[in-house]
Amino acid sequence: MAAGPWGWGLAVLLLLLLAVLRCAARRLRSRSAAKSAALSRDGDVSALLVTAHPDDEVMFFAPTLLCLGRAGARLAVLCCSAGDYYNQGEIRKKELEQSCCLLGVPASSVTVVDHRDLPDSPSVEWDTQLLASFVLKHIEANNINLVIRSFCSMEAP
């Protein structure tokens, strides 16, 4: 069965699309490598990952932390709750510290807020001003110049 003009046209289009995608992938890899090289040359990046719960750091940000660590950034994690919804806050804090250690974040750079007005509960809306005050204090006290956050709202930029 011979391919008609539509068949050949579709085949050519697919080959062109494949070539464009491969080119785009190469460009993205080279940009990422260039950014990592620039970061390691500068060496003055102090990154803070702000998460809502223990395990967010590993579930959503392991590649980010590993890449920043390899590039020479100083890493810190600020977790805004102990993850105590199922009364396992102490266990989850220890797991957070162990996870961060594996991701290149020293235990001394892992902070859990664990404030009574920021409970780990889906039925409680956190006070954003209170939360912002904790984050700002941490940024200022540790000379943080890169903040990565794991939660957002419709109002957040």
N, C-alpha and C. Protein backbone atom coordinates (compact mmCIF):
# COMPACT_ATOMS: atom_id res chain seq x y z
N MET A 1 0.85 -1.17 0.00
CA MET A 1 0.00 0.00 0.00
C MET A 1 0.89 1.23 0.00
N ALA A 2 0.77 2.05 -1.00
CA ALA A 2 1.61 3.24 -1.16
C ALA A 2 1.03 4.39 -0.36
N ALA A 3 1.94 5.20 0.20
CA ALA A 3 1.51 6.38 0.96
C ALA A 3 1.15 7.48 -0.01
N GLY A 4 0.02 8.11 0.24
CA GLY A 4 -0.42 9.22 -0.60
C GLY A 4 0.28 10.50 -0.17
N PRO A 5 -0.06 11.62 -0.81
CA PRO A 5 0.58 12.89 -0.48
C PRO A 5 0.39 13.28 0.99
N TRP A 6 -0.78 12.94 1.56
CA TRP A 6 -1.02 13.28 2.96
C TRP A 6 -0.10 12.46 3.88
N GLY A 7 0.10 11.22 3.54
CA GLY A 7 0.98 10.35 4.34
C GLY A 7 2.40 10.86 4.36
N TRP A 8 2.92 11.23 3.17
CA TRP A 8 4.29 11.75 3.10
C TRP A 8 4.40 13.10 3.80
N GLY A 9 3.39 13.92 3.64
CA GLY A 9 3.39 15.24 4.29
C GLY A 9 3.41 15.10 5.81
N LEU A 10 2.62 14.17 6.31
CA LEU A 10 2.59 13.93 7.75
C LEU A 10 3.93 13.40 8.25
N ALA A 11 4.54 12.51 7.49
CA ALA A 11 5.84 11.96 7.87
C ALA A 11 6.90 13.06 7.93
N VAL A 12 6.92 13.94 6.94
CA VAL A 12 7.88 15.04 6.91
C VAL A 12 7.63 15.98 8.09
N LEU A 13 6.37 16.27 8.36
CA LEU A 13 6.02 17.15 9.47
C LEU A 13 6.48 16.56 10.81
N LEU A 14 6.27 15.27 10.99
CA LEU A 14 6.71 14.61 12.22
C LEU A 14 8.23 14.64 12.37
N LEU A 15 8.95 14.44 11.27
CA LEU A 15 10.41 14.50 11.32
C LEU A 15 10.89 15.91 11.67
N LEU A 16 10.25 16.92 11.11
CA LEU A 16 10.61 18.30 11.45
C LEU A 16 10.33 18.60 12.92
N LEU A 17 9.20 18.14 13.41
CA LEU A 17 8.85 18.35 14.81
C LEU A 17 9.87 17.66 15.72
N LEU A 18 10.26 16.47 15.39
CA LEU A 18 11.27 15.75 16.16
C LEU A 18 12.59 16.51 16.18
N ALA A 19 13.00 17.04 15.05
CA ALA A 19 14.25 17.80 14.97
C ALA A 19 14.18 19.06 15.84
N VAL A 20 13.04 19.75 15.80
CA VAL A 20 12.87 20.96 16.62
C VAL A 20 12.92 20.62 18.10
N LEU A 21 12.25 19.55 18.51
CA LEU A 21 12.25 19.14 19.91
C LEU A 21 13.65 18.76 20.40
N ARG A 22 14.40 18.05 19.57
CA ARG A 22 15.77 17.67 19.95
C ARG A 22 16.65 18.91 20.10
N CYS A 23 16.49 19.86 19.20
CA CYS A 23 17.26 21.10 19.27
C CYS A 23 16.90 21.88 20.54
N ALA A 24 15.62 21.96 20.85
CA ALA A 24 15.18 22.68 22.05
C ALA A 24 15.72 22.00 23.31
N ALA A 25 15.72 20.68 23.34
CA ALA A 25 16.25 19.96 24.50
C ALA A 25 17.74 20.24 24.69
N ARG A 26 18.49 20.27 23.59
CA ARG A 26 19.93 20.59 23.68
C ARG A 26 20.15 21.99 24.23
N ARG A 27 19.36 22.95 23.75
CA ARG A 27 19.50 24.34 24.21
C ARG A 27 19.19 24.45 25.70
N LEU A 28 18.14 23.76 26.16
CA LEU A 28 17.79 23.81 27.58
C LEU A 28 18.90 23.21 28.43
N ARG A 29 19.47 22.09 27.98
CA ARG A 29 20.56 21.46 28.74
C ARG A 29 21.77 22.38 28.81
N SER A 30 22.11 23.05 27.71
CA SER A 30 23.28 23.92 27.72
C SER A 30 23.04 25.15 28.58
N ARG A 31 21.81 25.68 28.58
CA ARG A 31 21.49 26.83 29.45
C ARG A 31 21.59 26.43 30.92
N SER A 32 21.08 25.25 31.25
CA SER A 32 21.13 24.77 32.63
C SER A 32 22.57 24.59 33.07
N ALA A 33 23.40 24.03 32.21
CA ALA A 33 24.81 23.85 32.54
C ALA A 33 25.50 25.19 32.72
N ALA A 34 25.17 26.16 31.88
CA ALA A 34 25.77 27.49 32.00
C ALA A 34 25.36 28.16 33.30
N LYS A 35 24.09 28.01 33.69
CA LYS A 35 23.63 28.60 34.95
C LYS A 35 24.32 27.95 36.13
N SER A 36 24.47 26.63 36.11
CA SER A 36 25.16 25.93 37.19
C SER A 36 26.61 26.37 37.29
N ALA A 37 27.26 26.53 36.14
CA ALA A 37 28.65 26.98 36.13
C ALA A 37 28.77 28.39 36.69
N ALA A 38 27.85 29.27 36.31
CA ALA A 38 27.88 30.64 36.83
C ALA A 38 27.64 30.65 38.32
N LEU A 39 26.72 29.83 38.79
CA LEU A 39 26.42 29.76 40.21
C LEU A 39 27.64 29.28 40.99
N SER A 40 28.31 28.26 40.50
CA SER A 40 29.47 27.75 41.22
C SER A 40 30.63 28.73 41.17
N ARG A 41 30.74 29.53 40.12
CA ARG A 41 31.79 30.56 40.06
C ARG A 41 31.52 31.65 41.08
N ASP A 42 30.26 32.09 41.15
CA ASP A 42 29.92 33.17 42.08
C ASP A 42 30.06 32.69 43.52
N GLY A 43 29.51 31.52 43.80
CA GLY A 43 29.66 30.91 45.11
C GLY A 43 29.02 31.67 46.26
N ASP A 44 28.25 32.70 45.99
CA ASP A 44 27.68 33.48 47.08
C ASP A 44 26.17 33.33 47.16
N VAL A 45 25.65 32.23 46.68
CA VAL A 45 24.21 32.01 46.74
C VAL A 45 23.87 31.33 48.07
N SER A 46 22.94 31.93 48.77
CA SER A 46 22.43 31.37 50.02
C SER A 46 20.94 31.15 49.82
N ALA A 47 20.55 29.90 49.62
CA ALA A 47 19.18 29.57 49.23
C ALA A 47 18.36 29.06 50.41
N LEU A 48 17.13 29.53 50.47
CA LEU A 48 16.19 29.09 51.49
C LEU A 48 14.98 28.47 50.81
N LEU A 49 14.70 27.23 51.15
CA LEU A 49 13.48 26.57 50.69
C LEU A 49 12.45 26.70 51.81
N VAL A 50 11.31 27.30 51.51
CA VAL A 50 10.23 27.45 52.48
C VAL A 50 9.13 26.45 52.10
N THR A 51 8.84 25.54 53.02
CA THR A 51 7.81 24.53 52.76
C THR A 51 6.71 24.62 53.80
N ALA A 52 5.57 24.07 53.48
CA ALA A 52 4.45 24.06 54.41
C ALA A 52 4.55 22.88 55.38
N HIS A 53 5.02 21.74 54.89
CA HIS A 53 5.02 20.51 55.70
C HIS A 53 6.32 19.74 55.51
N PRO A 54 6.69 18.93 56.50
CA PRO A 54 7.79 17.99 56.27
C PRO A 54 7.40 17.05 55.13
N ASP A 55 8.31 16.71 54.33
CA ASP A 55 8.28 15.86 53.14
C ASP A 55 8.08 16.64 51.86
N ASP A 56 7.64 17.92 51.95
CA ASP A 56 7.55 18.75 50.73
C ASP A 56 8.93 18.91 50.10
N GLU A 57 9.96 19.01 50.94
CA GLU A 57 11.32 19.24 50.44
C GLU A 57 11.77 18.12 49.52
N VAL A 58 11.43 16.89 49.86
CA VAL A 58 11.88 15.76 49.05
C VAL A 58 10.89 15.44 47.94
N MET A 59 9.59 15.58 48.21
CA MET A 59 8.59 15.24 47.19
C MET A 59 8.62 16.21 46.01
N PHE A 60 8.91 17.48 46.27
CA PHE A 60 8.81 18.47 45.21
C PHE A 60 10.12 19.18 44.87
N PHE A 61 11.11 19.15 45.75
CA PHE A 61 12.29 19.99 45.54
C PHE A 61 13.63 19.27 45.63
N ALA A 62 13.65 17.96 45.67
CA ALA A 62 14.91 17.23 45.73
C ALA A 62 15.85 17.62 44.58
N PRO A 63 15.41 17.62 43.33
CA PRO A 63 16.33 17.99 42.24
C PRO A 63 16.86 19.41 42.38
N THR A 64 16.01 20.33 42.83
CA THR A 64 16.43 21.72 43.00
C THR A 64 17.52 21.83 44.06
N LEU A 65 17.29 21.21 45.22
CA LEU A 65 18.27 21.27 46.30
C LEU A 65 19.58 20.60 45.90
N LEU A 66 19.49 19.45 45.26
CA LEU A 66 20.70 18.74 44.84
C LEU A 66 21.50 19.56 43.84
N CYS A 67 20.83 20.17 42.88
CA CYS A 67 21.51 20.98 41.86
C CYS A 67 22.16 22.21 42.50
N LEU A 68 21.44 22.90 43.36
CA LEU A 68 22.01 24.07 44.03
C LEU A 68 23.20 23.68 44.90
N GLY A 69 23.07 22.57 45.60
CA GLY A 69 24.17 22.09 46.44
C GLY A 69 25.40 21.75 45.63
N ARG A 70 25.21 21.06 44.51
CA ARG A 70 26.34 20.72 43.64
C ARG A 70 27.02 21.97 43.10
N ALA A 71 26.23 23.02 42.92
CA ALA A 71 26.78 24.26 42.37
C ALA A 71 27.43 25.13 43.45
N GLY A 72 27.39 24.69 44.69
CA GLY A 72 28.09 25.41 45.75
C GLY A 72 27.24 26.36 46.57
N ALA A 73 25.94 26.33 46.40
CA ALA A 73 25.08 27.22 47.18
C ALA A 73 24.98 26.74 48.63
N ARG A 74 24.85 27.69 49.54
CA ARG A 74 24.54 27.35 50.93
C ARG A 74 23.04 27.12 50.99
N LEU A 75 22.63 26.03 51.61
CA LEU A 75 21.23 25.64 51.60
C LEU A 75 20.62 25.68 53.00
N ALA A 76 19.36 26.09 53.05
CA ALA A 76 18.60 26.08 54.30
C ALA A 76 17.15 25.74 53.97
N VAL A 77 16.48 25.15 54.94
CA VAL A 77 15.06 24.82 54.79
C VAL A 77 14.31 25.38 55.99
N LEU A 78 13.21 26.07 55.70
CA LEU A 78 12.31 26.58 56.72
C LEU A 78 10.96 25.90 56.49
N CYS A 79 10.59 25.02 57.39
CA CYS A 79 9.33 24.28 57.28
C CYS A 79 8.33 24.94 58.23
N CYS A 80 7.18 25.32 57.73
CA CYS A 80 6.24 26.15 58.48
C CYS A 80 5.32 25.38 59.41
N SER A 81 5.37 24.07 59.41
CA SER A 81 4.61 23.27 60.37
C SER A 81 5.37 21.98 60.65
N ALA A 82 5.03 21.36 61.76
CA ALA A 82 5.68 20.09 62.11
C ALA A 82 5.02 18.91 61.41
N GLY A 83 3.94 19.16 60.68
CA GLY A 83 3.25 18.06 60.03
C GLY A 83 2.54 17.18 61.04
N ASP A 84 1.91 17.82 62.02
CA ASP A 84 1.34 17.10 63.16
C ASP A 84 -0.14 16.75 62.99
N TYR A 85 -0.65 16.77 61.79
CA TYR A 85 -2.08 16.51 61.56
C TYR A 85 -2.49 15.15 62.12
N TYR A 86 -1.65 14.14 61.98
CA TYR A 86 -1.93 12.80 62.50
C TYR A 86 -1.16 12.52 63.79
N ASN A 87 -0.83 13.59 64.52
CA ASN A 87 -0.09 13.47 65.79
C ASN A 87 1.25 12.76 65.62
N GLN A 88 1.93 13.03 64.52
CA GLN A 88 3.24 12.44 64.27
C GLN A 88 4.29 13.52 64.04
N GLY A 89 4.08 14.69 64.64
CA GLY A 89 4.96 15.83 64.42
C GLY A 89 6.42 15.55 64.76
N GLU A 90 6.67 14.91 65.90
CA GLU A 90 8.06 14.64 66.30
C GLU A 90 8.74 13.69 65.32
N ILE A 91 8.02 12.69 64.87
CA ILE A 91 8.56 11.74 63.88
C ILE A 91 8.85 12.47 62.58
N ARG A 92 7.91 13.30 62.15
CA ARG A 92 8.07 14.00 60.88
C ARG A 92 9.21 15.02 60.93
N LYS A 93 9.43 15.65 62.08
CA LYS A 93 10.57 16.57 62.22
C LYS A 93 11.89 15.82 62.03
N LYS A 94 11.99 14.64 62.64
CA LYS A 94 13.21 13.83 62.49
C LYS A 94 13.39 13.39 61.04
N GLU A 95 12.29 12.99 60.40
CA GLU A 95 12.37 12.60 58.99
C GLU A 95 12.80 13.78 58.12
N LEU A 96 12.31 14.96 58.44
CA LEU A 96 12.69 16.17 57.70
C LEU A 96 14.20 16.39 57.81
N GLU A 97 14.71 16.31 59.01
CA GLU A 97 16.15 16.51 59.22
C GLU A 97 16.97 15.47 58.46
N GLN A 98 16.55 14.21 58.52
CA GLN A 98 17.26 13.15 57.81
C GLN A 98 17.20 13.35 56.29
N SER A 99 16.02 13.70 55.81
CA SER A 99 15.84 13.94 54.38
C SER A 99 16.74 15.09 53.92
N CYS A 100 16.73 16.18 54.68
CA CYS A 100 17.55 17.34 54.31
C CYS A 100 19.03 16.98 54.30
N CYS A 101 19.45 16.17 55.26
CA CYS A 101 20.85 15.74 55.30
C CYS A 101 21.22 15.02 54.00
N LEU A 102 20.35 14.13 53.54
CA LEU A 102 20.60 13.41 52.29
C LEU A 102 20.61 14.35 51.08
N LEU A 103 19.87 15.46 51.19
CA LEU A 103 19.79 16.42 50.09
C LEU A 103 20.86 17.50 50.17
N GLY A 104 21.74 17.41 51.16
CA GLY A 104 22.84 18.37 51.26
C GLY A 104 22.57 19.58 52.13
N VAL A 105 21.50 19.54 52.91
CA VAL A 105 21.18 20.64 53.82
C VAL A 105 21.60 20.21 55.22
N PRO A 106 22.55 20.92 55.83
CA PRO A 106 22.99 20.53 57.18
C PRO A 106 21.86 20.68 58.20
N ALA A 107 21.87 19.82 59.22
CA ALA A 107 20.83 19.86 60.25
C ALA A 107 20.72 21.24 60.89
N SER A 108 21.84 21.92 61.02
CA SER A 108 21.83 23.26 61.63
C SER A 108 21.12 24.29 60.76
N SER A 109 20.85 23.94 59.51
CA SER A 109 20.17 24.85 58.59
C SER A 109 18.73 24.45 58.31
N VAL A 110 18.20 23.55 59.14
CA VAL A 110 16.81 23.11 59.01
C VAL A 110 16.03 23.66 60.20
N THR A 111 14.99 24.44 59.92
CA THR A 111 14.18 25.04 60.97
C THR A 111 12.71 24.68 60.76
N VAL A 112 12.06 24.27 61.84
CA VAL A 112 10.63 23.99 61.82
C VAL A 112 9.95 25.05 62.68
N VAL A 113 9.01 25.79 62.10
CA VAL A 113 8.34 26.88 62.83
C VAL A 113 7.46 26.31 63.94
N ASP A 114 6.53 25.43 63.65
CA ASP A 114 5.69 24.77 64.65
C ASP A 114 5.01 25.75 65.60
N HIS A 115 4.35 26.75 65.05
CA HIS A 115 3.63 27.78 65.83
C HIS A 115 2.16 27.38 65.96
N ARG A 116 1.56 27.65 67.11
CA ARG A 116 0.16 27.24 67.35
C ARG A 116 -0.82 27.86 66.36
N ASP A 117 -0.48 29.02 65.79
CA ASP A 117 -1.37 29.66 64.82
C ASP A 117 -1.10 29.22 63.38
N LEU A 118 -0.17 28.28 63.21
CA LEU A 118 0.12 27.71 61.89
C LEU A 118 0.01 26.18 61.98
N PRO A 119 -1.16 25.67 62.34
CA PRO A 119 -1.29 24.22 62.51
C PRO A 119 -1.34 23.49 61.17
N ASP A 120 -0.95 22.23 61.21
CA ASP A 120 -1.05 21.39 60.02
C ASP A 120 -2.49 20.86 59.96
N SER A 121 -3.35 21.64 59.35
CA SER A 121 -4.76 21.28 59.27
C SER A 121 -5.37 21.87 58.00
N PRO A 122 -6.02 21.04 57.20
CA PRO A 122 -6.64 21.56 55.98
C PRO A 122 -7.82 22.49 56.26
N SER A 123 -8.33 22.49 57.49
CA SER A 123 -9.49 23.34 57.80
C SER A 123 -9.09 24.70 58.36
N VAL A 124 -7.79 24.94 58.53
CA VAL A 124 -7.32 26.22 59.09
C VAL A 124 -6.55 26.98 58.03
N GLU A 125 -6.96 28.21 57.79
CA GLU A 125 -6.24 29.08 56.86
C GLU A 125 -5.17 29.84 57.65
N TRP A 126 -3.95 29.75 57.21
CA TRP A 126 -2.85 30.39 57.93
C TRP A 126 -2.90 31.90 57.79
N ASP A 127 -2.43 32.56 58.83
CA ASP A 127 -2.29 34.02 58.86
C ASP A 127 -1.05 34.37 58.03
N THR A 128 -1.27 34.94 56.86
CA THR A 128 -0.14 35.20 55.96
C THR A 128 0.83 36.24 56.52
N GLN A 129 0.34 37.18 57.30
CA GLN A 129 1.24 38.18 57.90
C GLN A 129 2.16 37.52 58.92
N LEU A 130 1.61 36.63 59.73
CA LEU A 130 2.42 35.90 60.71
C LEU A 130 3.46 35.04 59.99
N LEU A 131 3.02 34.33 58.98
CA LEU A 131 3.92 33.49 58.20
C LEU A 131 5.02 34.33 57.56
N ALA A 132 4.64 35.45 56.96
CA ALA A 132 5.62 36.33 56.32
C ALA A 132 6.64 36.84 57.33
N SER A 133 6.21 37.10 58.56
CA SER A 133 7.15 37.61 59.57
C SER A 133 8.21 36.55 59.91
N PHE A 134 7.80 35.27 60.00
CA PHE A 134 8.76 34.20 60.26
C PHE A 134 9.76 34.07 59.10
N VAL A 135 9.24 34.11 57.89
CA VAL A 135 10.10 33.96 56.72
C VAL A 135 11.08 35.13 56.62
N LEU A 136 10.59 36.35 56.81
CA LEU A 136 11.46 37.53 56.73
C LEU A 136 12.55 37.50 57.80
N LYS A 137 12.19 37.15 59.02
CA LYS A 137 13.20 37.05 60.09
C LYS A 137 14.29 36.04 59.71
N HIS A 138 13.86 34.92 59.15
CA HIS A 138 14.82 33.88 58.76
C HIS A 138 15.73 34.36 57.62
N ILE A 139 15.15 35.06 56.66
CA ILE A 139 15.93 35.60 55.54
C ILE A 139 16.98 36.57 56.05
N GLU A 140 16.56 37.50 56.90
CA GLU A 140 17.48 38.52 57.41
C GLU A 140 18.55 37.93 58.32
N ALA A 141 18.18 37.00 59.18
CA ALA A 141 19.13 36.41 60.12
C ALA A 141 20.19 35.55 59.43
N ASN A 142 19.87 35.03 58.26
CA ASN A 142 20.77 34.09 57.58
C ASN A 142 21.31 34.61 56.25
N ASN A 143 21.14 35.89 55.97
CA ASN A 143 21.64 36.49 54.73
C ASN A 143 21.22 35.70 53.49
N ILE A 144 19.96 35.36 53.41
CA ILE A 144 19.42 34.59 52.29
C ILE A 144 19.24 35.51 51.09
N ASN A 145 19.68 35.05 49.90
CA ASN A 145 19.48 35.85 48.69
C ASN A 145 18.71 35.10 47.60
N LEU A 146 18.23 33.90 47.91
CA LEU A 146 17.39 33.14 46.98
C LEU A 146 16.34 32.40 47.81
N VAL A 147 15.07 32.66 47.53
CA VAL A 147 13.98 32.01 48.26
C VAL A 147 13.17 31.17 47.29
N ILE A 148 12.93 29.93 47.68
CA ILE A 148 12.12 29.00 46.90
C ILE A 148 10.97 28.60 47.82
N ARG A 149 9.73 28.70 47.33
CA ARG A 149 8.60 28.36 48.19
C ARG A 149 7.75 27.27 47.56
N SER A 150 7.10 26.50 48.42
CA SER A 150 6.36 25.35 47.92
C SER A 150 4.86 25.52 47.94
N PHE A 151 4.38 26.65 48.34
CA PHE A 151 2.94 26.85 48.39
C PHE A 151 2.62 28.23 47.85
N CYS A 152 1.41 28.41 47.41
CA CYS A 152 1.03 29.70 46.86
C CYS A 152 -0.46 29.90 47.03
N SER A 153 -0.88 31.11 46.81
CA SER A 153 -2.31 31.41 46.80
C SER A 153 -2.58 32.22 45.55
N MET A 154 -3.81 32.51 45.31
CA MET A 154 -4.16 33.28 44.12
C MET A 154 -3.61 34.70 44.20
N GLU A 155 -3.41 35.22 45.43
CA GLU A 155 -2.90 36.57 45.58
C GLU A 155 -1.38 36.63 45.47
N ALA A 156 -0.70 35.51 45.66
CA ALA A 156 0.77 35.51 45.69
C ALA A 156 1.32 35.77 44.30
N PRO A 157 2.41 36.54 44.23
CA PRO A 157 3.02 36.79 42.91
C PRO A 157 3.72 35.57 42.37
